[in-house]
N, C-alpha and C. Protein backbone atom coordinates (compact mmCIF):
# COMPACT_ATOMS: atom_id res chain seq x y z
N MET A 1 11.02 -1.29 9.83
CA MET A 1 9.98 -0.66 10.15
C MET A 1 8.74 -1.37 9.41
N ASP A 2 7.44 -1.22 10.00
CA ASP A 2 6.39 -1.71 9.35
C ASP A 2 5.77 -1.02 8.44
N ALA A 3 4.95 -1.53 7.32
CA ALA A 3 4.52 -0.84 6.07
C ALA A 3 3.71 0.44 6.50
N VAL A 4 2.78 0.12 7.44
CA VAL A 4 1.80 1.29 7.42
C VAL A 4 2.94 2.53 8.11
N ARG A 5 3.48 2.18 8.84
CA ARG A 5 4.46 3.52 9.49
C ARG A 5 4.94 4.11 8.47
N LEU A 6 5.74 3.32 7.52
CA LEU A 6 6.36 4.11 6.50
C LEU A 6 5.42 4.74 5.34
N ILE A 7 4.49 4.31 5.17
CA ILE A 7 3.42 4.77 4.43
C ILE A 7 2.83 6.18 5.11
N VAL A 8 2.50 6.11 6.38
CA VAL A 8 2.15 7.34 7.17
C VAL A 8 3.15 8.34 6.90
N THR A 9 4.43 7.86 7.20
CA THR A 9 5.68 8.84 7.12
C THR A 9 5.57 9.58 5.82
N GLY A 10 5.39 8.63 4.81
CA GLY A 10 5.56 9.23 3.42
C GLY A 10 4.53 10.21 3.20
N ARG A 11 3.43 9.88 3.63
CA ARG A 11 1.89 10.98 3.19
C ARG A 11 2.45 12.22 4.07
N ARG A 12 2.98 12.11 5.00
CA ARG A 12 3.20 13.46 5.74
C ARG A 12 4.28 14.12 4.98
N ALA A 13 5.24 13.47 4.67
CA ALA A 13 6.35 14.18 3.96
C ALA A 13 5.88 14.72 2.88
N LEU A 14 5.25 13.94 1.94
CA LEU A 14 4.72 14.54 0.64
C LEU A 14 3.91 15.75 0.85
N ALA A 15 2.89 15.93 2.08
CA ALA A 15 1.92 16.86 2.16
C ALA A 15 2.97 17.84 2.55
N GLY A 16 3.87 17.86 3.31
CA GLY A 16 4.73 18.91 3.80
C GLY A 16 5.90 19.34 2.87
N SER A 17 6.28 18.82 1.69
CA SER A 17 6.98 18.99 0.78
C SER A 17 6.66 20.37 0.34
N LYS A 18 7.78 21.40 0.06
CA LYS A 18 7.74 22.28 -0.39
C LYS A 18 8.60 22.63 -1.71
N GLY A 19 8.18 22.89 -2.98
CA GLY A 19 8.44 23.04 -4.11
C GLY A 19 8.77 21.86 -4.84
N VAL A 20 8.86 22.23 -6.27
CA VAL A 20 8.98 20.69 -7.34
C VAL A 20 10.13 20.01 -6.94
N PRO A 21 11.48 20.24 -6.72
CA PRO A 21 12.25 19.10 -6.46
C PRO A 21 12.11 18.25 -5.23
N GLU A 22 11.69 18.71 -4.17
CA GLU A 22 11.12 18.25 -3.22
C GLU A 22 10.02 17.29 -2.85
N MET A 23 9.07 17.73 -3.86
CA MET A 23 7.76 17.03 -4.40
C MET A 23 8.16 15.76 -5.07
N MET A 24 8.92 15.83 -6.01
CA MET A 24 9.59 14.94 -6.90
C MET A 24 10.01 13.75 -6.10
N THR A 25 10.85 14.40 -5.08
CA THR A 25 11.77 13.36 -4.41
C THR A 25 10.60 12.41 -3.61
N GLU A 26 9.57 13.09 -2.91
CA GLU A 26 8.71 12.27 -1.97
C GLU A 26 7.70 11.49 -3.09
N VAL A 27 7.52 11.62 -4.53
CA VAL A 27 6.64 11.11 -5.29
C VAL A 27 7.71 9.76 -5.64
N TRP A 28 8.93 10.13 -5.82
CA TRP A 28 9.82 8.86 -6.03
C TRP A 28 9.94 7.64 -5.14
N GLN A 29 9.87 8.35 -3.54
CA GLN A 29 9.96 7.68 -2.68
C GLN A 29 8.66 6.92 -2.26
N ALA A 30 7.66 7.40 -2.57
CA ALA A 30 6.38 6.64 -2.59
C ALA A 30 6.21 5.36 -3.79
N GLN A 31 6.78 5.75 -4.89
CA GLN A 31 6.80 4.70 -5.74
C GLN A 31 7.67 3.65 -5.19
N ALA A 32 8.89 4.04 -4.87
CA ALA A 32 9.86 3.15 -4.15
C ALA A 32 9.24 2.00 -3.26
N LEU A 33 8.58 2.58 -2.37
CA LEU A 33 7.90 2.14 -1.32
C LEU A 33 6.79 1.04 -1.52
N ALA A 34 6.01 1.57 -2.63
CA ALA A 34 5.01 0.62 -3.44
C ALA A 34 5.66 -0.69 -3.94
N GLN A 35 6.83 -0.29 -4.70
CA GLN A 35 7.21 -1.32 -5.40
C GLN A 35 7.99 -2.36 -4.20
N ALA A 36 8.31 -1.91 -3.17
CA ALA A 36 9.07 -2.86 -1.97
C ALA A 36 7.86 -3.75 -1.35
N ILE A 37 6.84 -2.83 -1.28
CA ILE A 37 5.40 -3.62 -0.64
C ILE A 37 4.98 -4.54 -1.50
N GLY A 38 4.87 -4.25 -2.97
CA GLY A 38 4.69 -4.98 -3.80
C GLY A 38 5.24 -6.47 -3.93
N SER A 39 6.63 -6.18 -3.87
CA SER A 39 7.66 -7.23 -3.80
C SER A 39 7.30 -8.15 -2.61
N ARG A 40 7.21 -7.66 -1.53
CA ARG A 40 7.13 -8.22 -0.07
C ARG A 40 5.65 -9.09 -0.29
N LEU A 41 4.91 -8.72 -0.87
CA LEU A 41 3.15 -9.02 -0.75
C LEU A 41 3.62 -10.42 -2.05
N ALA A 42 4.06 -10.20 -2.96
CA ALA A 42 4.42 -11.20 -4.02
C ALA A 42 5.06 -12.60 -3.49
N VAL A 43 5.77 -12.43 -2.68
CA VAL A 43 6.95 -13.28 -1.80
C VAL A 43 6.12 -13.88 -0.65
N PHE A 44 5.62 -13.09 0.08
CA PHE A 44 5.24 -13.41 1.47
C PHE A 44 3.34 -13.31 1.74
N GLY A 45 2.79 -12.66 0.74
CA GLY A 45 1.44 -12.53 1.25
C GLY A 45 0.54 -13.54 0.93
N PRO A 46 -0.70 -13.39 0.85
CA PRO A 46 -1.60 -14.16 0.69
C PRO A 46 -1.67 -14.71 -0.78
N PRO A 47 -1.83 -15.94 -1.20
CA PRO A 47 -1.51 -16.39 -2.42
C PRO A 47 -2.41 -15.58 -3.43
N GLU A 48 -3.76 -15.27 -3.45
CA GLU A 48 -4.53 -14.83 -4.37
C GLU A 48 -4.08 -13.44 -4.46
N LEU A 49 -3.10 -12.79 -3.87
CA LEU A 49 -2.59 -11.41 -4.23
C LEU A 49 -1.40 -11.32 -4.88
N ARG A 50 -0.43 -12.77 -5.17
CA ARG A 50 0.77 -12.55 -5.60
C ARG A 50 0.80 -11.97 -7.00
N GLY A 51 0.01 -12.39 -8.01
CA GLY A 51 -0.05 -11.78 -9.35
C GLY A 51 -0.39 -10.54 -9.46
N GLU A 52 -1.15 -9.94 -8.79
CA GLU A 52 -1.35 -8.70 -8.67
C GLU A 52 -0.14 -7.67 -7.88
N ALA A 53 0.46 -8.43 -6.86
CA ALA A 53 1.62 -7.70 -6.11
C ALA A 53 2.70 -7.73 -7.20
N LEU A 54 3.01 -8.76 -7.88
CA LEU A 54 4.05 -8.73 -9.04
C LEU A 54 3.65 -7.65 -10.01
N GLY A 55 2.51 -7.28 -10.39
CA GLY A 55 2.20 -6.28 -11.24
C GLY A 55 2.27 -4.85 -10.76
N LEU A 56 2.14 -4.74 -9.20
CA LEU A 56 2.39 -3.53 -8.48
C LEU A 56 4.03 -3.20 -8.61
N THR A 57 4.50 -4.39 -8.27
CA THR A 57 5.99 -4.13 -8.25
C THR A 57 6.65 -3.59 -9.50
N GLU A 58 6.24 -4.13 -10.75
CA GLU A 58 6.52 -3.80 -12.25
C GLU A 58 5.72 -2.25 -12.39
N LEU A 59 4.84 -1.74 -12.24
CA LEU A 59 4.19 -0.71 -12.13
C LEU A 59 5.21 0.67 -11.27
N ALA A 60 5.22 0.37 -10.18
CA ALA A 60 5.87 1.12 -9.16
C ALA A 60 7.19 1.33 -9.47
N GLY A 61 7.65 0.34 -10.13
CA GLY A 61 9.30 0.29 -10.55
C GLY A 61 9.33 1.32 -11.81
N ARG A 62 8.23 1.23 -12.84
CA ARG A 62 8.19 2.24 -13.70
C ARG A 62 7.98 3.69 -13.46
N GLY A 63 7.22 3.56 -12.06
CA GLY A 63 6.92 5.12 -11.68
C GLY A 63 8.01 5.71 -11.28
N CYS A 64 9.18 4.76 -10.34
CA CYS A 64 10.34 5.38 -10.28
C CYS A 64 11.41 5.85 -11.17
N GLY A 65 11.18 4.85 -12.47
CA GLY A 65 12.09 5.01 -13.49
C GLY A 65 11.69 6.46 -14.59
N VAL A 66 10.63 6.77 -14.51
CA VAL A 66 10.28 7.93 -15.19
C VAL A 66 10.65 9.12 -14.51
N LEU A 67 10.95 9.16 -13.41
CA LEU A 67 11.41 10.27 -12.37
C LEU A 67 12.91 10.22 -12.18
N ASP A 68 13.63 11.39 -12.20
CA ASP A 68 14.83 11.35 -11.77
C ASP A 68 15.11 10.82 -10.40
N THR A 69 16.10 10.14 -10.41
CA THR A 69 16.53 9.21 -9.13
C THR A 69 16.91 10.45 -8.17
N PRO A 70 16.35 10.59 -6.92
CA PRO A 70 16.70 11.79 -6.13
C PRO A 70 17.93 11.41 -5.24
N ASP A 71 18.82 12.25 -5.08
CA ASP A 71 20.21 12.07 -4.09
C ASP A 71 19.66 11.99 -2.49
N LEU A 72 19.57 11.06 -2.12
CA LEU A 72 19.06 10.79 -0.88
C LEU A 72 20.31 10.67 0.23
N ALA A 73 20.26 11.24 1.20
CA ALA A 73 21.28 10.75 2.34
C ALA A 73 21.26 9.02 2.73
N VAL A 74 22.23 8.99 3.18
CA VAL A 74 22.12 7.33 3.43
C VAL A 74 21.15 7.01 4.66
N GLY A 75 20.27 5.86 4.58
CA GLY A 75 19.16 5.71 5.49
C GLY A 75 18.08 6.49 5.18
N ALA A 76 18.18 7.05 4.05
CA ALA A 76 16.64 8.17 3.77
C ALA A 76 15.79 7.26 3.18
N LEU A 77 16.24 6.53 2.34
CA LEU A 77 15.25 5.65 1.42
C LEU A 77 14.24 4.64 2.24
N ARG A 78 13.03 5.17 2.34
CA ARG A 78 12.03 4.58 2.96
C ARG A 78 11.77 3.12 2.71
N ALA A 79 11.57 2.75 1.58
CA ALA A 79 11.49 1.61 0.91
C ALA A 79 12.38 0.27 1.69
N ALA A 80 13.80 1.01 1.95
CA ALA A 80 14.85 0.16 2.39
C ALA A 80 14.52 -0.21 3.86
N GLN A 81 13.59 0.54 4.46
CA GLN A 81 13.62 0.43 6.11
C GLN A 81 12.20 -0.45 6.09
N LEU A 82 11.58 -0.96 5.16
CA LEU A 82 10.45 -1.89 5.23
C LEU A 82 11.01 -3.03 5.90
N THR A 83 10.80 -3.51 6.99
CA THR A 83 10.95 -4.92 7.47
C THR A 83 9.82 -5.90 7.81
N GLU A 84 8.52 -5.29 7.61
CA GLU A 84 7.37 -6.31 7.72
C GLU A 84 6.52 -5.34 7.11
N LEU A 85 5.48 -6.26 6.66
CA LEU A 85 4.04 -5.96 6.28
C LEU A 85 2.85 -5.47 7.00
N GLY A 86 2.98 -6.50 7.94
CA GLY A 86 1.81 -6.17 9.05
C GLY A 86 0.43 -6.84 8.47
N ASP A 87 -0.61 -6.35 8.74
CA ASP A 87 -1.81 -6.31 8.20
C ASP A 87 -2.03 -6.24 6.66
N ALA A 88 -2.10 -7.13 5.82
CA ALA A 88 -2.01 -6.87 4.37
C ALA A 88 -3.05 -5.86 4.05
N ARG A 89 -4.28 -5.80 4.73
CA ARG A 89 -5.65 -5.01 4.25
C ARG A 89 -5.18 -3.67 4.54
N GLN A 90 -4.67 -3.32 6.04
CA GLN A 90 -4.23 -2.33 6.38
C GLN A 90 -3.18 -1.42 5.54
N ALA A 91 -2.39 -2.33 5.12
CA ALA A 91 -0.88 -1.73 4.34
C ALA A 91 -1.58 -1.51 2.91
N LEU A 92 -2.62 -2.12 2.61
CA LEU A 92 -2.86 -1.89 1.22
C LEU A 92 -3.96 -0.40 1.16
N MET A 93 -4.80 -0.37 1.91
CA MET A 93 -5.57 0.60 2.31
C MET A 93 -4.74 1.91 2.41
N GLN A 94 -3.78 1.67 3.34
CA GLN A 94 -2.93 3.15 3.36
C GLN A 94 -2.22 3.38 1.96
N LEU A 95 -1.54 2.22 1.50
CA LEU A 95 -0.86 2.27 0.28
C LEU A 95 -1.77 3.08 -0.93
N GLY A 96 -3.04 2.64 -1.07
CA GLY A 96 -3.78 3.20 -1.79
C GLY A 96 -4.00 5.04 -1.58
N GLY A 97 -4.15 5.17 -0.36
CA GLY A 97 -4.35 6.74 -0.10
C GLY A 97 -3.01 7.35 -0.50
N LEU A 98 -1.87 6.81 -0.11
CA LEU A 98 -0.54 7.27 -0.59
C LEU A 98 -0.59 7.41 -2.05
N LEU A 99 -0.73 6.40 -2.87
CA LEU A 99 -0.83 6.52 -4.46
C LEU A 99 -1.67 7.52 -4.80
N GLY A 100 -2.99 7.55 -4.23
CA GLY A 100 -3.62 8.92 -4.50
C GLY A 100 -3.13 10.54 -4.21
N ASP A 101 -2.69 10.41 -3.18
CA ASP A 101 -2.02 11.71 -2.95
C ASP A 101 -0.67 12.07 -3.80
N VAL A 102 0.04 10.95 -3.98
CA VAL A 102 1.17 10.97 -5.50
C VAL A 102 0.41 11.54 -6.59
N GLY A 103 -0.83 10.92 -6.95
CA GLY A 103 -1.42 11.50 -8.21
C GLY A 103 -1.85 12.76 -8.41
N ILE A 104 -2.50 13.22 -7.02
CA ILE A 104 -2.83 14.86 -6.92
C ILE A 104 -1.76 15.61 -7.06
N ALA A 105 -0.68 15.31 -6.13
CA ALA A 105 0.70 16.17 -6.28
C ALA A 105 1.17 16.46 -7.64
N LEU A 106 1.33 15.19 -8.37
CA LEU A 106 1.77 15.24 -9.72
C LEU A 106 0.75 16.01 -10.83
N VAL A 107 -0.43 15.85 -10.39
CA VAL A 107 -1.30 16.82 -11.30
C VAL A 107 -0.76 18.34 -10.86
N GLY A 108 -0.90 18.73 -9.91
CA GLY A 108 -0.55 20.10 -9.33
C GLY A 108 1.10 20.32 -10.11
N MET A 109 1.98 19.46 -9.94
CA MET A 109 3.18 19.86 -10.69
C MET A 109 3.35 20.08 -12.18
N ALA A 110 2.21 19.11 -12.77
CA ALA A 110 2.32 19.31 -14.00
C ALA A 110 1.72 20.37 -14.88
N SER A 111 0.31 20.76 -13.76
CA SER A 111 -0.01 22.11 -14.28
C SER A 111 0.63 23.28 -14.09
N GLY A 112 1.64 23.16 -13.08
CA GLY A 112 2.58 24.41 -13.07
C GLY A 112 4.17 24.24 -13.58
N ALA A 113 4.32 23.07 -14.42
CA ALA A 113 5.41 22.89 -14.95
C ALA A 113 6.07 23.99 -15.69
N ASP A 114 7.27 24.41 -15.70
CA ASP A 114 7.98 25.48 -16.39
C ASP A 114 8.62 25.02 -17.74
N ASP A 115 8.53 23.86 -17.84
CA ASP A 115 9.19 23.12 -18.85
C ASP A 115 8.39 22.14 -19.40
N GLU A 116 8.45 21.73 -20.73
CA GLU A 116 8.07 20.52 -21.20
C GLU A 116 8.35 19.39 -20.64
N ALA A 117 9.68 19.02 -20.45
CA ALA A 117 10.10 17.75 -19.95
C ALA A 117 9.90 17.57 -18.57
N THR A 118 9.13 18.36 -17.70
CA THR A 118 8.89 18.07 -16.32
C THR A 118 7.41 17.92 -16.55
N TYR A 119 6.80 18.48 -17.42
CA TYR A 119 5.24 18.14 -17.57
C TYR A 119 5.38 16.68 -18.09
N TRP A 120 5.88 16.35 -18.87
CA TRP A 120 5.71 14.96 -19.57
C TRP A 120 6.31 13.87 -18.47
N GLN A 121 7.35 14.24 -17.65
CA GLN A 121 7.67 13.40 -16.60
C GLN A 121 6.36 13.26 -15.76
N CYS A 122 5.79 14.28 -15.34
CA CYS A 122 4.86 14.35 -14.42
C CYS A 122 3.57 13.38 -14.85
N MET A 123 3.31 13.70 -16.33
CA MET A 123 2.05 12.68 -16.84
C MET A 123 2.33 11.41 -16.87
N GLU A 124 3.80 10.91 -17.20
CA GLU A 124 3.98 9.49 -17.32
C GLU A 124 3.98 9.03 -15.85
N ALA A 125 4.33 9.77 -14.48
CA ALA A 125 4.21 9.35 -13.26
C ALA A 125 2.92 9.30 -12.86
N ILE A 126 2.17 10.22 -13.57
CA ILE A 126 0.80 10.15 -12.93
C ILE A 126 0.02 8.55 -13.58
N ASP A 127 0.50 8.54 -14.91
CA ASP A 127 -0.01 7.11 -15.33
C ASP A 127 0.47 5.98 -14.51
N ALA A 128 1.70 6.11 -13.96
CA ALA A 128 2.21 4.56 -13.10
C ALA A 128 1.60 4.93 -11.95
N ALA A 129 1.45 5.97 -11.18
CA ALA A 129 0.65 6.01 -9.87
C ALA A 129 -0.71 5.44 -9.96
N ASP A 130 -1.35 5.78 -10.97
CA ASP A 130 -2.70 5.63 -11.34
C ASP A 130 -3.11 3.87 -11.30
N GLU A 131 -2.18 3.67 -12.29
CA GLU A 131 -2.36 2.05 -12.63
C GLU A 131 -1.64 1.39 -11.41
N SER A 132 -0.82 1.87 -10.40
CA SER A 132 -0.28 1.00 -9.15
C SER A 132 -1.53 1.25 -8.28
N ARG A 133 -2.35 2.34 -8.03
CA ARG A 133 -3.35 2.31 -7.47
C ARG A 133 -4.40 1.44 -7.77
N ASP A 134 -4.41 1.23 -8.93
CA ASP A 134 -5.61 0.30 -9.34
C ASP A 134 -5.31 -1.32 -8.92
N ARG A 135 -4.05 -1.72 -9.01
CA ARG A 135 -3.52 -2.74 -8.56
C ARG A 135 -3.80 -3.08 -7.25
N VAL A 136 -3.67 -1.98 -6.40
CA VAL A 136 -3.84 -1.96 -4.73
C VAL A 136 -5.13 -2.02 -4.66
N LEU A 137 -5.92 -1.52 -5.22
CA LEU A 137 -7.59 -1.52 -5.10
C LEU A 137 -7.96 -3.18 -5.57
N GLU A 138 -7.36 -3.60 -6.51
CA GLU A 138 -7.84 -5.04 -6.91
C GLU A 138 -7.37 -5.87 -5.77
N MET A 139 -6.36 -5.79 -5.33
CA MET A 139 -6.02 -6.68 -4.15
C MET A 139 -6.85 -6.66 -2.90
N LEU A 140 -7.19 -5.39 -2.72
CA LEU A 140 -8.26 -5.09 -1.68
C LEU A 140 -9.50 -5.88 -1.91
N ARG A 141 -9.99 -5.65 -3.24
CA ARG A 141 -11.02 -6.47 -3.62
C ARG A 141 -11.08 -7.85 -3.49
N ARG A 142 -9.82 -8.46 -3.80
CA ARG A 142 -9.51 -9.84 -3.85
C ARG A 142 -9.62 -10.31 -2.35
N LEU A 143 -9.01 -9.42 -1.23
CA LEU A 143 -8.99 -9.86 0.06
C LEU A 143 -10.54 -9.74 0.58
N ALA A 144 -11.27 -8.90 0.07
CA ALA A 144 -12.82 -8.91 0.53
C ALA A 144 -13.65 -10.14 -0.06
N ASP A 145 -13.15 -10.72 -1.21
CA ASP A 145 -13.71 -11.82 -1.85
C ASP A 145 -13.28 -12.74 -0.96
N ARG A 146 -11.98 -13.13 -0.74
CA ARG A 146 -11.73 -14.22 0.33
C ARG A 146 -12.45 -14.11 1.61
N ASP A 147 -12.58 -13.03 2.03
CA ASP A 147 -13.15 -13.03 3.49
C ASP A 147 -14.66 -13.02 3.46
N GLU A 148 -15.16 -12.63 2.42
CA GLU A 148 -16.78 -13.06 2.37
C GLU A 148 -17.28 -14.34 2.73
N VAL A 149 -18.14 -14.36 3.90
CA VAL A 149 -18.68 -15.75 4.38
C VAL A 149 -19.91 -15.92 3.52
N VAL A 150 -20.03 -17.04 3.00
CA VAL A 150 -21.50 -17.13 2.41
C VAL A 150 -22.02 -18.05 3.22
N PRO A 151 -23.37 -17.84 3.64
CA PRO A 151 -24.08 -18.71 4.56
C PRO A 151 -24.62 -19.95 3.98
N GLU A 152 -24.45 -21.00 4.92
CA GLU A 152 -25.03 -22.03 4.20
C GLU A 152 -26.37 -22.34 4.41
N ALA A 153 -26.78 -23.03 3.14
CA ALA A 153 -28.41 -23.40 2.79
C ALA A 153 -28.66 -24.23 4.07
N GLY A 154 -29.82 -23.81 4.42
CA GLY A 154 -30.02 -25.02 5.60
C GLY A 154 -31.47 -24.76 6.31
């Protein structure tokens, strides 16, 4: 499945999740998808994005690592369903939106956390999602710089 379809599916699932365990699962899924997209961009993406894509892979991996790994049914891991990136710019724009949604969900969960462990888990995941989103925005900036046409003097 292409990246944009998976991201849209993830955004819908996050928006429709009920309760902390389901939301945490969707946050983890989003970070795993960001990690997979970063890996794919690092290998197959435009050369000017490869360094930032590696950074995204690491940061999103950290985002998964600070959260408890969800117990997913076979075939339910969206990141494993990624078969193609499609248009890198569109995928990154959508991924930036998903990571923004993740941050908002995590803030809500942190503010309503019943225990300190959940609170700190959310805070660390907020940092990872925010830094991942920063990488995505930097890649979008690099794509815009690459595509910027400088008029010839004459």
